[in-house]
Amino acid sequence: MSLGYTQGSGTFHIPEGLYQEILDFLSQKGIDTNRGYGHGPSRKIKLISLGLKYLGLSNYEYHGIKREFYLFPLVKNLREIIHNGEKPIWVDRPFNKLAEYWKERWAIPRARRMPEWKDFDSNKFFKKLEKIIKEV
């Protein structure tokens, strides 16, 4: 069920290289670009927004591209829950059916379109991850 459209706000992917350039730019202006624990949520988005504002691109997060959003009820009595505070009567969707749907709808078509997944070596991945963890 469609609930309508957004107002057209959100963020676009900013490549890591451009993000680093924005951080360098802000640092040159004397702005604290520290990130991580203790700097609040959405620090990256705030720094990107600030950098773009300095470059004359204020309110970049209001791009005007409206997106439709939907409600997918997982209960049989959604109206009664909302209006009367009734307890939910859950729709029973067995996990194996959900997994089969996901596999047929998303996994197999994507695997056909992107065969490079076959080159993934989990041993290399976990060795690299282990090395990164030891460095931290």
C-alpha atoms as a PDB file:
ATOM      1  CA  MET A   1       0.000   0.000   0.000  1.00  0.00           C
ATOM      2  CA  SER A   2       1.462   3.325  -1.056  1.00  0.00           C
ATOM      3  CA  LEU A   3       1.570   5.966   1.677  1.00  0.00           C
ATOM      4  CA  GLY A   4       2.666   8.798  -0.570  1.00  0.00           C
ATOM      5  CA  TYR A   5       5.900  10.492  -1.539  1.00  0.00           C
ATOM      6  CA  THR A   6       8.800  12.018   0.334  1.00  0.00           C
ATOM      7  CA  GLN A   7       9.557  15.723   0.047  1.00  0.00           C
ATOM      8  CA  GLY A   8      12.728  14.972  -1.875  1.00  0.00           C
ATOM      9  CA  SER A   9      15.432  14.942   0.742  1.00  0.00           C
ATOM     10  CA  GLY A  10      18.211  12.490   1.362  1.00  0.00           C
ATOM     11  CA  THR A  11      21.819  12.000   0.534  1.00  0.00           C
ATOM     12  CA  PHE A  12      23.689  10.740  -2.469  1.00  0.00           C
ATOM     13  CA  HIS A  13      26.749   8.541  -2.340  1.00  0.00           C
ATOM     14  CA  ILE A  14      29.881  10.621  -1.987  1.00  0.00           C
ATOM     15  CA  PRO A  15      32.969   8.665  -3.146  1.00  0.00           C
ATOM     16  CA  GLU A  16      35.707   8.202  -0.538  1.00  0.00           C
ATOM     17  CA  GLY A  17      38.177  10.290  -2.543  1.00  0.00           C
ATOM     18  CA  LEU A  18      35.831  13.255  -2.685  1.00  0.00           C
ATOM     19  CA  TYR A  19      35.013  12.846   1.008  1.00  0.00           C
ATOM     20  CA  GLN A  20      38.732  13.034   1.830  1.00  0.00           C
ATOM     21  CA  GLU A  21      39.065  16.176  -0.294  1.00  0.00           C
ATOM     22  CA  ILE A  22      36.159  17.755   1.598  1.00  0.00           C
ATOM     23  CA  LEU A  23      37.828  16.848   4.920  1.00  0.00           C
ATOM     24  CA  ASP A  24      41.121  18.383   3.756  1.00  0.00           C
ATOM     25  CA  PHE A  25      39.288  21.519   2.625  1.00  0.00           C
ATOM     26  CA  LEU A  26      37.530  21.844   5.999  1.00  0.00           C
ATOM     27  CA  SER A  27      40.769  21.219   7.908  1.00  0.00           C
ATOM     28  CA  GLN A  28      42.452  24.033   5.946  1.00  0.00           C
ATOM     29  CA  LYS A  29      39.641  26.299   7.123  1.00  0.00           C
ATOM     30  CA  GLY A  30      40.410  25.336  10.726  1.00  0.00           C
ATOM     31  CA  ILE A  31      37.342  23.166  11.178  1.00  0.00           C
ATOM     32  CA  ASP A  32      37.538  20.097  13.411  1.00  0.00           C
ATOM     33  CA  THR A  33      37.049  17.053  11.177  1.00  0.00           C
ATOM     34  CA  ASN A  34      37.584  14.406  13.845  1.00  0.00           C
ATOM     35  CA  ARG A  35      35.220  11.516  13.570  1.00  0.00           C
ATOM     36  CA  GLY A  36      34.386   8.428  15.585  1.00  0.00           C
ATOM     37  CA  TYR A  37      33.011   7.813  19.033  1.00  0.00           C
ATOM     38  CA  GLY A  38      32.145  10.965  20.916  1.00  0.00           C
ATOM     39  CA  HIS A  39      31.487  13.146  17.874  1.00  0.00           C
ATOM     40  CA  GLY A  40      27.779  12.430  17.576  1.00  0.00           C
ATOM     41  CA  PRO A  41      25.720  10.560  15.020  1.00  0.00           C
ATOM     42  CA  SER A  42      25.899  11.211  11.299  1.00  0.00           C
ATOM     43  CA  ARG A  43      29.231  12.998  11.585  1.00  0.00           C
ATOM     44  CA  LYS A  44      30.169  12.117   8.006  1.00  0.00           C
ATOM     45  CA  ILE A  45      26.948  13.578   6.615  1.00  0.00           C
ATOM     46  CA  LYS A  46      27.352  16.728   8.706  1.00  0.00           C
ATOM     47  CA  LEU A  47      30.926  17.250   7.514  1.00  0.00           C
ATOM     48  CA  ILE A  48      29.977  16.712   3.869  1.00  0.00           C
ATOM     49  CA  SER A  49      27.076  19.133   4.245  1.00  0.00           C
ATOM     50  CA  LEU A  50      29.325  21.745   5.855  1.00  0.00           C
ATOM     51  CA  GLY A  51      31.969  21.360   3.156  1.00  0.00           C
ATOM     52  CA  LEU A  52      29.441  21.734   0.379  1.00  0.00           C
ATOM     53  CA  LYS A  53      27.897  24.742   2.133  1.00  0.00           C
ATOM     54  CA  TYR A  54      31.320  26.451   2.137  1.00  0.00           C
ATOM     55  CA  LEU A  55      31.470  25.746  -1.599  1.00  0.00           C
ATOM     56  CA  GLY A  56      28.082  27.411  -2.163  1.00  0.00           C
ATOM     57  CA  LEU A  57      26.038  24.213  -2.353  1.00  0.00           C
ATOM     58  CA  SER A  58      23.875  24.655   0.722  1.00  0.00           C
ATOM     59  CA  ASN A  59      20.990  22.276   1.371  1.00  0.00           C
ATOM     60  CA  TYR A  60      22.377  19.596  -0.914  1.00  0.00           C
ATOM     61  CA  GLU A  61      20.343  17.055   1.020  1.00  0.00           C
ATOM     62  CA  TYR A  62      17.145  18.618  -0.366  1.00  0.00           C
ATOM     63  CA  HIS A  63      17.492  17.447  -3.938  1.00  0.00           C
ATOM     64  CA  GLY A  64      13.802  17.384  -4.863  1.00  0.00           C
ATOM     65  CA  ILE A  65      13.773  13.774  -6.070  1.00  0.00           C
ATOM     66  CA  LYS A  66      10.593  12.454  -4.518  1.00  0.00           C
ATOM     67  CA  ARG A  67      10.448   8.791  -3.586  1.00  0.00           C
ATOM     68  CA  GLU A  68       7.337   6.759  -3.032  1.00  0.00           C
ATOM     69  CA  PHE A  69       7.127   4.899   0.249  1.00  0.00           C
ATOM     70  CA  TYR A  70       5.018   1.912   1.147  1.00  0.00           C
ATOM     71  CA  LEU A  71       3.482   0.095   4.064  1.00  0.00           C
ATOM     72  CA  PHE A  72       3.816  -3.671   4.100  1.00  0.00           C
ATOM     73  CA  PRO A  73       1.658  -4.939   6.947  1.00  0.00           C
ATOM     74  CA  LEU A  74       3.053  -7.953   8.746  1.00  0.00           C
ATOM     75  CA  VAL A  75      -0.146  -8.311  10.728  1.00  0.00           C
ATOM     76  CA  LYS A  76      -3.687  -9.195   9.697  1.00  0.00           C
ATOM     77  CA  ASN A  77      -5.336  -6.542  11.868  1.00  0.00           C
ATOM     78  CA  LEU A  78      -3.271  -3.409  11.229  1.00  0.00           C
ATOM     79  CA  ARG A  79      -6.210  -0.966  11.398  1.00  0.00           C
ATOM     80  CA  GLU A  80      -7.397  -2.398  14.710  1.00  0.00           C
ATOM     81  CA  ILE A  81      -3.892  -2.142  16.138  1.00  0.00           C
ATOM     82  CA  ILE A  82      -3.547   1.482  15.062  1.00  0.00           C
ATOM     83  CA  HIS A  83      -7.051   2.644  16.011  1.00  0.00           C
ATOM     84  CA  ASN A  84      -7.912   0.446  18.999  1.00  0.00           C
ATOM     85  CA  GLY A  85      -4.585  -0.686  20.372  1.00  0.00           C
ATOM     86  CA  GLU A  86      -5.419  -4.351  19.781  1.00  0.00           C
ATOM     87  CA  LYS A  87      -2.743  -7.021  19.944  1.00  0.00           C
ATOM     88  CA  PRO A  88      -1.310  -7.990  16.565  1.00  0.00           C
ATOM     89  CA  ILE A  89      -2.348 -11.095  14.713  1.00  0.00           C
ATOM     90  CA  TRP A  90       0.874 -11.855  12.883  1.00  0.00           C
ATOM     91  CA  VAL A  91       0.964 -13.047   9.299  1.00  0.00           C
ATOM     92  CA  ASP A  92       2.741 -16.382   9.341  1.00  0.00           C
ATOM     93  CA  ARG A  93       5.486 -16.375   6.745  1.00  0.00           C
ATOM     94  CA  PRO A  94       7.713 -19.408   7.167  1.00  0.00           C
ATOM     95  CA  PHE A  95      11.383 -18.589   6.897  1.00  0.00           C
ATOM     96  CA  ASN A  96      12.034 -21.175   4.193  1.00  0.00           C
ATOM     97  CA  LYS A  97       9.402 -19.553   1.948  1.00  0.00           C
ATOM     98  CA  LEU A  98      10.890 -16.097   2.520  1.00  0.00           C
ATOM     99  CA  ALA A  99      14.378 -17.435   1.788  1.00  0.00           C
ATOM    100  CA  GLU A 100      13.159 -19.139  -1.393  1.00  0.00           C
ATOM    101  CA  TYR A 101      11.470 -15.927  -2.555  1.00  0.00           C
ATOM    102  CA  TRP A 102      14.645 -13.918  -1.886  1.00  0.00           C
ATOM    103  CA  LYS A 103      16.761 -16.450  -3.733  1.00  0.00           C
ATOM    104  CA  GLU A 104      14.500 -16.516  -6.812  1.00  0.00           C
ATOM    105  CA  ARG A 105      13.742 -12.782  -6.851  1.00  0.00           C
ATOM    106  CA  TRP A 106      17.171 -11.331  -6.000  1.00  0.00           C
ATOM    107  CA  ALA A 107      20.058 -13.761  -5.517  1.00  0.00           C
ATOM    108  CA  ILE A 108      19.895 -15.862  -8.673  1.00  0.00           C
ATOM    109  CA  PRO A 109      19.224 -12.984 -11.108  1.00  0.00           C
ATOM    110  CA  ARG A 110      22.030 -10.939  -9.563  1.00  0.00           C
ATOM    111  CA  ALA A 111      24.409 -13.895  -9.646  1.00  0.00           C
ATOM    112  CA  ARG A 112      23.686 -14.246 -13.360  1.00  0.00           C
ATOM    113  CA  ARG A 113      24.257 -10.543 -14.007  1.00  0.00           C
ATOM    114  CA  MET A 114      27.396 -10.329 -11.872  1.00  0.00           C
ATOM    115  CA  PRO A 115      29.438 -13.535 -12.214  1.00  0.00           C
ATOM    116  CA  GLU A 116      32.456 -11.978 -10.461  1.00  0.00           C
ATOM    117  CA  TRP A 117      31.038 -13.212  -7.135  1.00  0.00           C
ATOM    118  CA  LYS A 118      32.519 -16.589  -8.073  1.00  0.00           C
ATOM    119  CA  ASP A 119      36.000 -15.090  -7.657  1.00  0.00           C
ATOM    120  CA  PHE A 120      35.389 -14.231  -3.987  1.00  0.00           C
ATOM    121  CA  ASP A 121      37.911 -16.017  -1.761  1.00  0.00           C
ATOM    122  CA  SER A 122      36.639 -16.144   1.826  1.00  0.00           C
ATOM    123  CA  ASN A 123      40.050 -17.222   3.122  1.00  0.00           C
ATOM    124  CA  LYS A 124      41.693 -14.068   1.735  1.00  0.00           C
ATOM    125  CA  PHE A 125      38.834 -11.950   3.081  1.00  0.00           C
ATOM    126  CA  PHE A 126      39.079 -13.320   6.617  1.00  0.00           C
ATOM    127  CA  LYS A 127      42.883 -13.143   6.636  1.00  0.00           C
ATOM    128  CA  LYS A 128      42.690  -9.478   5.620  1.00  0.00           C
ATOM    129  CA  LEU A 129      40.012  -8.835   8.251  1.00  0.00           C
ATOM    130  CA  GLU A 130      42.125 -10.546  10.912  1.00  0.00           C
ATOM    131  CA  LYS A 131      45.119  -8.367   9.968  1.00  0.00           C
ATOM    132  CA  ILE A 132      43.019  -5.192  10.234  1.00  0.00           C
ATOM    133  CA  ILE A 133      41.679  -6.212  13.652  1.00  0.00           C
ATOM    134  CA  LYS A 134      45.198  -6.883  14.951  1.00  0.00           C
ATOM    135  CA  GLU A 135      46.298  -3.417  13.813  1.00  0.00           C
ATOM    136  CA  VAL A 136      43.518  -1.730  15.769  1.00  0.00           C
END
